[in-house]
């Protein structure tokens, strides 16, 4: 009776408070950008991303990959659903497939979300026109269109986004509009979360 969940895009697992779409009764909103088919329950994965439990209402398991029908709890192994101390099913069954959550924003917003928040970074070219460099201090610069980020050791690095946010670890940064999570491994915007990326080296003079 335990049901497997599929991840939505990119990437505490709890059932979301579902708000039916007034214009389309065939979808259930997970947040402003993601939705699940009618008759399912939105579940939020601990590492980010939405999943669609095929039960409505359903109970999302803490592992982020399974769910149970209403009235049942997930056992600690996430292989069975239990109710009043009894485990169902008594013999393992193949988990049923579920639907991935889908994007409901405009095409323009969707393209923006699919962009990598931070790029894989390379060493800055020394031949860059110095008049266009972004000054970090009197002897350190970043390429045009980037932002200086100072790490916990005092070393500078370059975020590839002019208005990017520098993460606390001094290694990662996020695109404008996103914030770094406490681990500096992910960039968040509302309910949306995607991996952060490393910064590039500065230009020493």
N, C-alpha and C. Protein backbone atom coordinates (compact mmCIF):
# COMPACT_ATOMS: atom_id res chain seq x y z
N UNK A 1 0.83 -1.20 0.00
CA UNK A 1 0.00 0.00 0.00
C UNK A 1 0.86 1.25 0.00
N UNK A 2 2.15 1.07 0.33
CA UNK A 2 3.05 2.21 0.29
C UNK A 2 3.31 2.58 -1.17
N UNK A 3 3.33 3.85 -1.47
CA UNK A 3 3.41 4.28 -2.86
C UNK A 3 4.66 5.09 -3.09
N UNK A 4 5.39 4.80 -4.18
CA UNK A 4 6.58 5.54 -4.53
C UNK A 4 6.22 6.87 -5.17
N UNK A 5 7.12 7.87 -5.02
CA UNK A 5 6.90 9.19 -5.60
C UNK A 5 7.99 9.51 -6.59
N UNK A 6 7.67 10.29 -7.61
CA UNK A 6 8.64 10.69 -8.60
C UNK A 6 9.00 12.15 -8.34
N UNK A 7 10.27 12.53 -8.57
CA UNK A 7 10.68 13.91 -8.36
C UNK A 7 10.13 14.80 -9.45
N UNK A 8 9.87 16.10 -9.08
CA UNK A 8 9.51 17.08 -10.09
C UNK A 8 10.80 17.66 -10.63
N UNK A 9 10.80 18.87 -11.24
CA UNK A 9 11.94 19.39 -11.94
C UNK A 9 13.16 19.49 -11.02
N UNK A 10 14.36 19.65 -11.67
CA UNK A 10 15.68 19.92 -11.06
C UNK A 10 15.96 18.96 -9.90
N UNK A 11 14.78 19.31 -8.56
CA UNK A 11 15.13 18.96 -7.48
C UNK A 11 15.09 18.95 -6.54
N UNK A 12 12.06 18.02 5.55
CA UNK A 12 10.74 17.66 6.07
C UNK A 12 9.84 17.41 4.90
N UNK A 13 9.54 16.24 4.48
CA UNK A 13 8.63 15.94 3.39
C UNK A 13 7.23 15.96 3.97
N UNK A 14 6.44 16.91 3.58
CA UNK A 14 5.13 17.07 4.20
C UNK A 14 4.07 17.31 3.14
N UNK A 15 2.85 16.98 3.47
CA UNK A 15 1.75 17.23 2.54
C UNK A 15 1.48 18.71 2.50
N UNK A 16 1.34 19.25 1.31
CA UNK A 16 1.10 20.67 1.16
C UNK A 16 -0.38 20.96 1.30
N UNK A 17 -0.69 22.13 1.80
CA UNK A 17 -2.08 22.55 1.87
C UNK A 17 -2.57 22.81 0.46
N UNK A 18 -3.47 21.99 -0.01
CA UNK A 18 -3.85 22.02 -1.41
C UNK A 18 -4.91 23.07 -1.69
N UNK A 19 -4.69 23.82 -2.76
CA UNK A 19 -5.65 24.84 -3.16
C UNK A 19 -6.08 24.55 -4.59
N UNK A 20 -7.26 24.05 -4.85
CA UNK A 20 -7.69 23.73 -6.21
C UNK A 20 -7.69 24.96 -7.10
N UNK A 21 -7.32 24.76 -8.33
CA UNK A 21 -7.31 25.84 -9.31
C UNK A 21 -8.75 26.18 -9.67
N UNK A 22 -9.12 27.42 -9.48
CA UNK A 22 -10.49 27.84 -9.77
C UNK A 22 -10.79 27.79 -11.26
N UNK A 23 -9.71 27.95 -12.09
CA UNK A 23 -9.92 27.96 -13.52
C UNK A 23 -9.79 26.57 -14.13
N UNK A 24 -9.08 25.68 -13.46
CA UNK A 24 -8.87 24.34 -13.99
C UNK A 24 -8.98 23.34 -12.85
N UNK A 25 -10.11 22.63 -12.79
CA UNK A 25 -10.36 21.70 -11.70
C UNK A 25 -9.52 20.44 -11.83
N UNK A 26 -8.75 20.33 -12.92
CA UNK A 26 -7.96 19.13 -13.14
C UNK A 26 -6.57 19.21 -12.53
N UNK A 27 -6.23 20.31 -11.84
CA UNK A 27 -4.91 20.41 -11.22
C UNK A 27 -5.03 20.84 -9.77
N UNK A 28 -4.00 20.51 -9.00
CA UNK A 28 -3.89 20.90 -7.59
C UNK A 28 -2.60 21.70 -7.44
N UNK A 29 -2.69 22.93 -6.96
CA UNK A 29 -1.51 23.77 -6.81
C UNK A 29 -0.64 23.32 -5.64
N UNK A 30 0.66 23.16 -5.90
CA UNK A 30 1.62 22.91 -4.82
C UNK A 30 2.15 24.25 -4.30
N UNK A 31 2.45 25.17 -5.21
CA UNK A 31 2.81 26.55 -4.89
C UNK A 31 2.44 27.38 -6.12
N UNK A 32 3.04 28.54 -6.27
CA UNK A 32 2.68 29.41 -7.39
C UNK A 32 3.23 28.90 -8.72
N UNK A 33 4.18 27.98 -8.70
CA UNK A 33 4.82 27.52 -9.93
C UNK A 33 4.56 26.06 -10.27
N UNK A 34 4.23 25.25 -9.29
CA UNK A 34 4.12 23.82 -9.52
C UNK A 34 2.75 23.29 -9.13
N UNK A 35 2.31 22.26 -9.84
CA UNK A 35 0.99 21.69 -9.60
C UNK A 35 1.02 20.19 -9.83
N UNK A 36 0.03 19.52 -9.27
CA UNK A 36 -0.15 18.08 -9.44
C UNK A 36 -1.52 17.83 -10.07
N UNK A 37 -1.73 16.67 -10.68
CA UNK A 37 -3.04 16.36 -11.26
C UNK A 37 -4.12 16.29 -10.19
N UNK A 38 -5.35 16.54 -10.60
CA UNK A 38 -6.48 16.44 -9.68
C UNK A 38 -6.56 15.03 -9.11
N UNK A 39 -6.93 14.91 -7.83
CA UNK A 39 -7.02 13.60 -7.20
C UNK A 39 -5.72 13.12 -6.61
N UNK A 40 -4.71 14.00 -6.54
CA UNK A 40 -3.43 13.65 -5.93
C UNK A 40 -3.13 14.62 -4.80
N UNK A 41 -2.03 14.39 -4.10
CA UNK A 41 -1.59 15.26 -3.00
C UNK A 41 -0.16 15.71 -3.27
N UNK A 42 0.10 17.01 -3.10
CA UNK A 42 1.46 17.53 -3.26
C UNK A 42 2.30 17.17 -2.03
N UNK A 43 3.47 16.63 -2.26
CA UNK A 43 4.42 16.33 -1.18
C UNK A 43 5.73 17.05 -1.48
N UNK A 44 6.30 17.68 -0.45
CA UNK A 44 7.54 18.44 -0.62
C UNK A 44 8.71 17.61 -0.12
N UNK A 45 9.71 17.39 -0.98
CA UNK A 45 10.87 16.59 -0.62
C UNK A 45 11.78 17.38 0.32
N UNK A 46 12.46 16.72 1.28
CA UNK A 46 13.36 17.42 2.21
C UNK A 46 14.45 18.21 1.51
N UNK A 47 14.90 17.76 0.33
CA UNK A 47 15.96 18.45 -0.39
C UNK A 47 15.41 19.37 -1.47
N UNK A 48 14.12 19.60 -1.46
CA UNK A 48 13.50 20.49 -2.44
C UNK A 48 12.82 19.74 -3.56
N UNK A 49 11.86 20.38 -4.18
CA UNK A 49 11.12 19.76 -5.27
C UNK A 49 9.78 19.22 -4.80
N UNK A 50 8.85 19.14 -5.71
CA UNK A 50 7.50 18.67 -5.41
C UNK A 50 7.26 17.30 -6.02
N UNK A 51 6.44 16.50 -5.35
CA UNK A 51 6.07 15.17 -5.80
C UNK A 51 4.55 15.03 -5.69
N UNK A 52 4.00 14.16 -6.49
CA UNK A 52 2.55 13.96 -6.49
C UNK A 52 2.20 12.58 -5.97
N UNK A 53 1.60 12.54 -4.80
CA UNK A 53 1.13 11.28 -4.22
C UNK A 53 -0.21 10.94 -4.87
N UNK A 54 -0.41 9.71 -5.34
CA UNK A 54 -1.64 9.37 -6.06
C UNK A 54 -2.88 9.26 -5.19
N UNK A 55 -2.74 9.49 -3.88
CA UNK A 55 -3.90 9.46 -2.99
C UNK A 55 -4.35 10.89 -2.67
N UNK A 56 -5.65 11.09 -2.57
CA UNK A 56 -6.18 12.39 -2.18
C UNK A 56 -7.33 12.19 -1.19
N UNK A 57 -7.11 12.56 0.10
CA UNK A 57 -5.84 13.07 0.61
C UNK A 57 -4.86 11.95 0.88
N UNK A 58 -3.57 12.27 0.81
CA UNK A 58 -2.53 11.30 1.11
C UNK A 58 -1.63 11.81 2.21
N UNK A 59 -0.85 10.91 2.79
CA UNK A 59 0.10 11.27 3.83
C UNK A 59 1.51 11.07 3.28
N UNK A 60 2.32 12.13 3.26
CA UNK A 60 3.67 12.07 2.71
C UNK A 60 4.64 11.49 3.74
N UNK A 61 5.46 10.55 3.32
CA UNK A 61 6.47 9.98 4.22
C UNK A 61 7.69 10.89 4.30
N UNK A 62 8.43 10.79 5.41
CA UNK A 62 9.56 11.68 5.64
C UNK A 62 10.74 11.42 4.72
N UNK A 63 10.80 10.25 4.07
CA UNK A 63 11.92 10.00 3.18
C UNK A 63 11.80 10.77 1.88
N UNK A 64 10.63 11.33 1.61
CA UNK A 64 10.44 12.14 0.42
C UNK A 64 10.13 11.36 -0.84
N UNK A 65 10.02 10.04 -0.75
CA UNK A 65 9.78 9.23 -1.94
C UNK A 65 8.52 8.38 -1.86
N UNK A 66 7.88 8.32 -0.71
CA UNK A 66 6.71 7.46 -0.55
C UNK A 66 5.57 8.20 0.14
N UNK A 67 4.37 7.64 0.02
CA UNK A 67 3.21 8.21 0.70
C UNK A 67 2.20 7.11 0.97
N UNK A 68 1.26 7.39 1.85
CA UNK A 68 0.23 6.43 2.24
C UNK A 68 -1.15 7.07 2.09
N UNK A 69 -2.20 6.26 2.00
CA UNK A 69 -3.56 6.81 1.95
C UNK A 69 -3.92 7.50 3.26
N UNK A 70 -4.91 8.36 3.22
CA UNK A 70 -5.38 9.05 4.42
C UNK A 70 -5.79 8.03 5.48
N UNK A 71 -5.39 8.28 6.72
CA UNK A 71 -5.72 7.37 7.81
C UNK A 71 -4.61 6.39 8.12
N UNK A 72 -3.61 6.32 7.26
CA UNK A 72 -2.47 5.45 7.48
C UNK A 72 -1.23 6.29 7.80
N UNK A 73 -0.27 5.70 8.50
CA UNK A 73 1.02 6.33 8.76
C UNK A 73 2.11 5.52 8.06
N UNK A 74 3.23 6.18 7.75
CA UNK A 74 4.37 5.49 7.16
C UNK A 74 5.17 4.81 8.27
N UNK A 75 5.59 3.57 8.05
CA UNK A 75 6.43 2.94 9.07
C UNK A 75 7.86 3.46 8.94
N UNK A 76 8.73 3.13 9.91
CA UNK A 76 10.07 3.71 9.94
C UNK A 76 10.96 3.21 8.80
N UNK A 77 10.56 2.14 8.15
CA UNK A 77 11.34 1.63 7.01
C UNK A 77 10.85 2.19 5.68
N UNK A 78 9.71 2.88 5.71
CA UNK A 78 9.09 3.44 4.51
C UNK A 78 8.76 2.36 3.48
N UNK A 79 8.42 1.17 3.98
CA UNK A 79 8.03 0.08 3.08
C UNK A 79 6.59 -0.35 3.30
N UNK A 80 5.96 0.11 4.37
CA UNK A 80 4.58 -0.25 4.66
C UNK A 80 3.81 0.95 5.21
N UNK A 81 2.51 0.87 5.07
CA UNK A 81 1.62 1.85 5.69
C UNK A 81 0.96 1.16 6.89
N UNK A 82 0.89 1.86 8.00
CA UNK A 82 0.34 1.25 9.22
C UNK A 82 -0.86 2.05 9.72
N UNK A 83 -1.78 1.33 10.39
CA UNK A 83 -2.95 1.99 10.99
C UNK A 83 -3.33 1.21 12.24
N UNK A 84 -3.41 1.94 13.36
CA UNK A 84 -3.79 1.35 14.64
C UNK A 84 -2.91 0.16 15.00
N UNK A 85 -1.61 0.31 14.75
CA UNK A 85 -0.66 -0.73 15.14
C UNK A 85 -0.54 -1.88 14.17
N UNK A 86 -1.39 -1.94 13.16
CA UNK A 86 -1.33 -3.02 12.18
C UNK A 86 -0.63 -2.54 10.92
N UNK A 87 0.18 -3.42 10.34
CA UNK A 87 0.93 -3.07 9.15
C UNK A 87 0.23 -3.59 7.90
N UNK A 88 0.08 -2.72 6.92
CA UNK A 88 -0.52 -3.10 5.63
C UNK A 88 0.46 -2.75 4.52
N UNK A 89 0.70 -3.54 3.52
CA UNK A 89 0.20 -4.90 3.41
C UNK A 89 1.02 -5.85 4.25
N UNK A 90 0.52 -7.05 4.50
CA UNK A 90 1.26 -8.02 5.28
C UNK A 90 2.38 -8.64 4.46
N UNK A 91 2.24 -8.62 3.15
CA UNK A 91 3.31 -9.05 2.25
C UNK A 91 3.64 -7.88 1.35
N UNK A 92 4.94 -7.69 1.06
CA UNK A 92 5.34 -6.53 0.25
C UNK A 92 4.65 -6.53 -1.11
N UNK A 93 4.28 -5.37 -1.57
CA UNK A 93 3.70 -5.21 -2.90
C UNK A 93 4.52 -4.21 -3.69
N UNK A 94 4.46 -4.33 -4.99
CA UNK A 94 5.19 -3.41 -5.84
C UNK A 94 4.57 -2.01 -5.72
N UNK A 95 5.39 -0.98 -5.41
CA UNK A 95 4.84 0.38 -5.30
C UNK A 95 4.19 0.82 -6.61
N UNK A 96 3.07 1.49 -6.48
CA UNK A 96 2.40 2.02 -7.67
C UNK A 96 3.08 3.29 -8.14
N UNK A 97 3.02 3.55 -9.43
CA UNK A 97 3.65 4.74 -9.99
C UNK A 97 2.81 5.97 -9.69
N UNK A 98 3.47 7.12 -9.62
CA UNK A 98 2.76 8.37 -9.41
C UNK A 98 3.17 9.37 -10.47
N UNK A 99 2.58 10.56 -10.42
CA UNK A 99 2.85 11.59 -11.42
C UNK A 99 3.85 12.61 -10.90
N UNK A 100 4.77 13.08 -11.76
CA UNK A 100 5.64 14.18 -11.33
C UNK A 100 4.85 15.48 -11.31
N UNK A 101 5.23 16.39 -10.43
CA UNK A 101 4.59 17.71 -10.43
C UNK A 101 5.01 18.43 -11.70
N UNK A 102 4.17 19.32 -12.21
CA UNK A 102 4.50 20.02 -13.44
C UNK A 102 4.44 21.53 -13.23
N UNK A 103 5.18 22.24 -14.08
CA UNK A 103 5.31 23.69 -13.98
C UNK A 103 4.06 24.36 -14.53
N UNK A 104 3.58 25.39 -13.84
CA UNK A 104 2.36 26.06 -14.29
C UNK A 104 2.57 27.53 -14.59
N UNK A 105 3.85 28.00 -14.59
CA UNK A 105 4.13 29.39 -14.86
C UNK A 105 4.15 29.64 -16.36
N UNK A 106 4.36 30.90 -16.74
CA UNK A 106 4.43 31.26 -18.15
C UNK A 106 5.69 30.68 -18.76
N UNK A 107 5.74 30.64 -20.08
CA UNK A 107 6.91 30.10 -20.77
C UNK A 107 8.17 30.88 -20.41
N UNK A 108 8.04 32.19 -20.28
CA UNK A 108 9.19 33.02 -19.94
C UNK A 108 9.71 32.68 -18.55
N UNK A 109 8.80 32.51 -17.58
CA UNK A 109 9.20 32.17 -16.23
C UNK A 109 9.82 30.78 -16.19
N UNK A 110 9.27 29.87 -16.98
CA UNK A 110 9.78 28.50 -16.99
C UNK A 110 11.21 28.47 -17.49
N UNK A 111 11.49 29.25 -18.56
CA UNK A 111 12.85 29.31 -19.08
C UNK A 111 13.80 29.85 -18.03
N UNK A 112 13.32 30.85 -17.26
CA UNK A 112 14.16 31.45 -16.23
C UNK A 112 14.47 30.45 -15.14
N UNK A 113 13.47 29.68 -14.73
CA UNK A 113 13.67 28.71 -13.66
C UNK A 113 14.63 27.61 -14.10
N UNK A 114 14.57 27.23 -15.38
CA UNK A 114 15.40 26.15 -15.86
C UNK A 114 16.86 26.57 -16.03
N UNK A 115 17.13 27.87 -16.01
CA UNK A 115 18.50 28.32 -16.12
C UNK A 115 19.31 27.85 -14.92
N UNK A 116 20.58 27.58 -15.13
CA UNK A 116 21.44 27.23 -14.00
C UNK A 116 21.62 28.48 -13.16
N UNK A 117 21.39 28.37 -11.87
CA UNK A 117 21.48 29.54 -11.01
C UNK A 117 22.91 30.03 -10.92
N UNK A 118 23.86 29.14 -10.87
CA UNK A 118 25.27 29.54 -10.90
C UNK A 118 25.97 28.67 -11.93
N UNK A 119 26.89 29.25 -12.64
CA UNK A 119 27.58 28.53 -13.69
C UNK A 119 28.82 27.84 -13.15
N UNK A 120 29.30 26.82 -13.87
CA UNK A 120 30.59 26.23 -13.55
C UNK A 120 31.63 27.27 -13.91
N UNK A 121 32.51 27.60 -12.99
CA UNK A 121 33.36 28.76 -13.17
C UNK A 121 34.78 28.41 -13.59
N UNK A 122 35.38 29.32 -14.31
CA UNK A 122 36.74 29.14 -14.80
C UNK A 122 37.61 30.28 -14.33
N UNK A 123 38.92 30.11 -14.47
CA UNK A 123 39.85 31.17 -14.08
C UNK A 123 39.64 32.36 -15.00
N UNK A 124 39.58 33.56 -14.43
CA UNK A 124 39.36 34.76 -15.22
C UNK A 124 40.55 35.03 -16.13
N UNK A 125 40.25 35.55 -17.30
CA UNK A 125 41.30 35.85 -18.27
C UNK A 125 42.07 37.10 -17.85
N UNK A 126 43.38 37.01 -17.85
CA UNK A 126 44.21 38.15 -17.46
C UNK A 126 44.17 39.23 -18.53
N UNK A 127 43.78 38.87 -19.76
CA UNK A 127 43.77 39.82 -20.86
C UNK A 127 42.52 40.70 -20.86
N UNK A 128 41.63 40.53 -19.88
CA UNK A 128 40.42 41.33 -19.82
C UNK A 128 40.76 42.81 -19.70
N UNK A 129 39.99 43.64 -20.39
CA UNK A 129 40.18 45.09 -20.32
C UNK A 129 40.03 45.54 -18.88
N UNK A 130 41.11 46.09 -18.29
CA UNK A 130 41.10 46.46 -16.87
C UNK A 130 40.07 47.53 -16.55
N UNK A 131 39.69 48.34 -17.54
CA UNK A 131 38.71 49.40 -17.28
C UNK A 131 37.33 48.82 -17.00
N UNK A 132 37.10 47.58 -17.41
CA UNK A 132 35.80 46.95 -17.21
C UNK A 132 35.77 46.01 -16.01
N UNK A 133 36.91 45.83 -15.36
CA UNK A 133 36.99 44.90 -14.24
C UNK A 133 36.17 45.38 -13.05
N UNK A 134 35.69 44.44 -12.26
CA UNK A 134 34.98 44.76 -11.02
C UNK A 134 35.99 44.66 -9.89
N UNK A 135 36.24 45.78 -9.21
CA UNK A 135 37.25 45.82 -8.16
C UNK A 135 36.74 45.22 -6.86
N UNK A 136 37.51 44.26 -6.31
CA UNK A 136 37.19 43.69 -5.00
C UNK A 136 37.97 44.46 -3.92
N UNK A 137 39.25 44.74 -4.19
CA UNK A 137 40.07 45.60 -3.35
C UNK A 137 41.15 46.20 -4.24
N UNK A 138 42.19 46.78 -3.67
CA UNK A 138 43.16 47.50 -4.48
C UNK A 138 44.01 46.60 -5.38
N UNK A 139 44.04 45.29 -5.11
CA UNK A 139 44.85 44.41 -5.95
C UNK A 139 44.09 43.20 -6.51
N UNK A 140 42.81 43.10 -6.21
CA UNK A 140 42.03 41.95 -6.66
C UNK A 140 40.80 42.42 -7.43
N UNK A 141 40.54 41.77 -8.57
CA UNK A 141 39.39 42.15 -9.41
C UNK A 141 38.67 40.91 -9.92
N UNK A 142 37.45 41.14 -10.38
CA UNK A 142 36.65 40.10 -11.02
C UNK A 142 36.30 40.55 -12.44
N UNK A 143 35.99 39.62 -13.33
CA UNK A 143 35.63 39.98 -14.71
C UNK A 143 34.35 40.81 -14.76
N UNK A 144 34.12 41.52 -15.85
CA UNK A 144 32.88 42.29 -16.00
C UNK A 144 31.65 41.38 -15.90
N UNK A 145 30.59 41.91 -15.31
CA UNK A 145 29.35 41.15 -15.20
C UNK A 145 29.34 40.14 -14.07
N UNK A 146 30.34 40.22 -13.19
CA UNK A 146 30.39 39.31 -12.04
C UNK A 146 30.33 40.12 -10.75
N UNK A 147 30.35 39.43 -9.62
CA UNK A 147 30.31 40.09 -8.32
C UNK A 147 31.40 39.52 -7.43
N UNK A 148 32.08 40.38 -6.68
CA UNK A 148 33.10 39.93 -5.75
C UNK A 148 32.45 39.30 -4.51
N UNK A 149 32.94 38.14 -4.13
CA UNK A 149 32.47 37.47 -2.92
C UNK A 149 33.68 37.15 -2.05
N UNK A 150 33.58 37.49 -0.77
CA UNK A 150 34.69 37.22 0.14
C UNK A 150 34.34 36.05 1.05
N UNK A 151 35.19 35.04 1.04
CA UNK A 151 34.94 33.85 1.84
C UNK A 151 35.34 34.01 3.28
N UNK A 152 35.08 33.00 4.12
CA UNK A 152 35.39 33.06 5.54
C UNK A 152 36.88 33.21 5.83
N UNK A 153 37.74 32.82 4.88
CA UNK A 153 39.19 32.95 5.08
C UNK A 153 39.70 34.31 4.60
N UNK A 154 38.80 35.13 4.05
CA UNK A 154 39.20 36.44 3.56
C UNK A 154 39.57 36.45 2.09
N UNK A 155 39.56 35.29 1.46
CA UNK A 155 39.91 35.20 0.04
C UNK A 155 38.74 35.61 -0.83
N UNK A 156 39.04 36.35 -1.92
CA UNK A 156 38.02 36.80 -2.85
C UNK A 156 37.78 35.76 -3.93
N UNK A 157 36.56 35.69 -4.41
CA UNK A 157 36.21 34.89 -5.58
C UNK A 157 35.12 35.63 -6.34
N UNK A 158 34.78 35.15 -7.53
CA UNK A 158 33.86 35.88 -8.40
C UNK A 158 32.59 35.08 -8.68
N UNK A 159 31.46 35.66 -8.32
CA UNK A 159 30.16 35.07 -8.64
C UNK A 159 29.81 35.51 -10.06
N UNK A 160 29.35 34.61 -10.92
CA UNK A 160 29.11 34.97 -12.32
C UNK A 160 27.90 35.86 -12.56
N UNK A 161 27.20 36.26 -11.50
CA UNK A 161 26.04 37.12 -11.64
C UNK A 161 26.29 38.45 -10.94
N UNK A 162 26.03 39.55 -11.66
CA UNK A 162 26.29 40.89 -11.14
C UNK A 162 25.58 41.12 -9.82
N UNK A 163 24.33 40.70 -9.73
CA UNK A 163 23.54 40.91 -8.52
C UNK A 163 23.37 39.61 -7.73
N UNK A 164 24.31 38.69 -7.90
CA UNK A 164 24.22 37.41 -7.22
C UNK A 164 24.39 37.53 -5.72
N UNK A 165 23.98 36.50 -5.00
CA UNK A 165 24.17 36.46 -3.55
C UNK A 165 25.31 35.51 -3.22
N UNK A 166 26.27 35.98 -2.44
CA UNK A 166 27.40 35.17 -2.02
C UNK A 166 26.97 34.26 -0.87
N UNK A 167 27.29 32.98 -0.97
CA UNK A 167 26.96 32.05 0.11
C UNK A 167 28.03 32.09 1.20
N UNK A 168 27.66 31.65 2.39
CA UNK A 168 28.53 31.77 3.55
C UNK A 168 29.83 30.97 3.44
N UNK A 169 29.82 29.89 2.66
CA UNK A 169 31.03 29.07 2.60
C UNK A 169 32.12 29.70 1.75
N UNK A 170 31.80 30.79 1.04
CA UNK A 170 32.80 31.46 0.22
C UNK A 170 33.15 30.72 -1.06
N UNK A 171 32.44 29.65 -1.34
CA UNK A 171 32.71 28.84 -2.53
C UNK A 171 31.56 28.91 -3.52
N UNK A 172 30.36 29.12 -3.03
CA UNK A 172 29.16 29.10 -3.87
C UNK A 172 28.44 30.45 -3.86
N UNK A 173 27.59 30.65 -4.87
CA UNK A 173 26.75 31.84 -4.91
C UNK A 173 25.47 31.50 -5.67
N UNK A 174 24.49 32.37 -5.55
CA UNK A 174 23.19 32.15 -6.19
C UNK A 174 22.81 33.34 -7.06
N UNK A 175 22.00 33.05 -8.06
CA UNK A 175 21.50 34.07 -8.97
C UNK A 175 20.58 35.05 -8.23
N UNK A 176 20.45 36.27 -8.78
CA UNK A 176 19.57 37.27 -8.18
C UNK A 176 18.16 36.72 -8.04
N UNK A 177 17.56 36.96 -6.89
CA UNK A 177 16.22 36.47 -6.62
C UNK A 177 16.21 35.19 -5.83
N UNK A 178 17.37 34.53 -5.71
CA UNK A 178 17.51 33.32 -4.92
C UNK A 178 18.34 33.62 -3.67
N UNK A 179 18.18 32.82 -2.64
CA UNK A 179 18.99 32.93 -1.44
C UNK A 179 19.69 31.60 -1.18
N UNK A 180 20.87 31.67 -0.58
CA UNK A 180 21.62 30.46 -0.24
C UNK A 180 20.97 29.78 0.97
N UNK A 181 20.92 28.47 0.94
CA UNK A 181 20.43 27.76 2.12
C UNK A 181 21.57 27.68 3.14
N UNK A 182 21.32 27.28 4.39
CA UNK A 182 22.36 27.26 5.42
C UNK A 182 23.59 26.43 5.05
N UNK A 183 23.41 25.41 4.22
CA UNK A 183 24.55 24.56 3.84
C UNK A 183 25.35 25.13 2.68
N UNK A 184 24.84 26.18 2.06
CA UNK A 184 25.45 26.80 0.87
C UNK A 184 25.44 25.87 -0.34
N UNK A 185 24.70 24.78 -0.28
CA UNK A 185 24.67 23.82 -1.37
C UNK A 185 23.48 24.02 -2.31
N UNK A 186 22.50 24.81 -1.86
CA UNK A 186 21.30 25.01 -2.66
C UNK A 186 20.90 26.48 -2.68
N UNK A 187 20.20 26.86 -3.75
CA UNK A 187 19.64 28.20 -3.89
C UNK A 187 18.13 28.08 -3.81
N UNK A 188 17.52 28.94 -3.02
CA UNK A 188 16.08 28.86 -2.79
C UNK A 188 15.36 30.11 -3.27
N UNK A 189 14.14 29.89 -3.77
CA UNK A 189 13.23 30.99 -4.07
C UNK A 189 11.83 30.47 -3.83
N UNK A 190 11.22 30.93 -2.74
CA UNK A 190 9.92 30.41 -2.35
C UNK A 190 10.04 28.94 -2.04
N UNK A 191 9.21 28.13 -2.69
CA UNK A 191 9.25 26.69 -2.48
C UNK A 191 10.23 26.01 -3.43
N UNK A 192 10.83 26.79 -4.33
CA UNK A 192 11.72 26.22 -5.34
C UNK A 192 13.14 26.16 -4.82
N UNK A 193 13.85 25.08 -5.07
CA UNK A 193 15.22 24.91 -4.60
C UNK A 193 16.02 24.17 -5.66
N UNK A 194 17.20 24.71 -6.00
CA UNK A 194 18.08 24.07 -6.96
C UNK A 194 19.51 24.15 -6.45
N UNK A 195 20.41 23.28 -6.93
CA UNK A 195 21.78 23.29 -6.43
C UNK A 195 22.50 24.59 -6.74
N UNK A 196 23.36 25.02 -5.80
CA UNK A 196 24.20 26.18 -6.04
C UNK A 196 25.43 25.73 -6.80
N UNK A 197 26.31 26.67 -7.17
CA UNK A 197 27.51 26.31 -7.89
C UNK A 197 28.71 27.08 -7.39
N UNK A 198 29.88 26.66 -7.81
CA UNK A 198 31.12 27.27 -7.33
C UNK A 198 31.37 28.61 -8.00
N UNK A 199 32.24 29.40 -7.37
CA UNK A 199 32.63 30.69 -7.93
C UNK A 199 33.96 30.53 -8.65
N UNK A 200 34.31 31.53 -9.46
CA UNK A 200 35.56 31.47 -10.20
C UNK A 200 36.64 32.26 -9.48
N UNK A 201 37.89 32.05 -9.91
CA UNK A 201 39.01 32.75 -9.29
C UNK A 201 39.05 34.21 -9.72
N UNK A 202 39.63 35.04 -8.86
CA UNK A 202 39.76 36.47 -9.16
C UNK A 202 41.02 36.72 -10.00
N UNK A 203 41.16 37.96 -10.43
CA UNK A 203 42.35 38.39 -11.18
C UNK A 203 43.25 39.14 -10.22
N UNK A 204 44.44 38.63 -10.00
CA UNK A 204 45.39 39.29 -9.10
C UNK A 204 46.29 40.21 -9.91
N UNK A 205 46.56 41.38 -9.37
CA UNK A 205 47.41 42.35 -10.08
C UNK A 205 48.73 42.54 -9.35
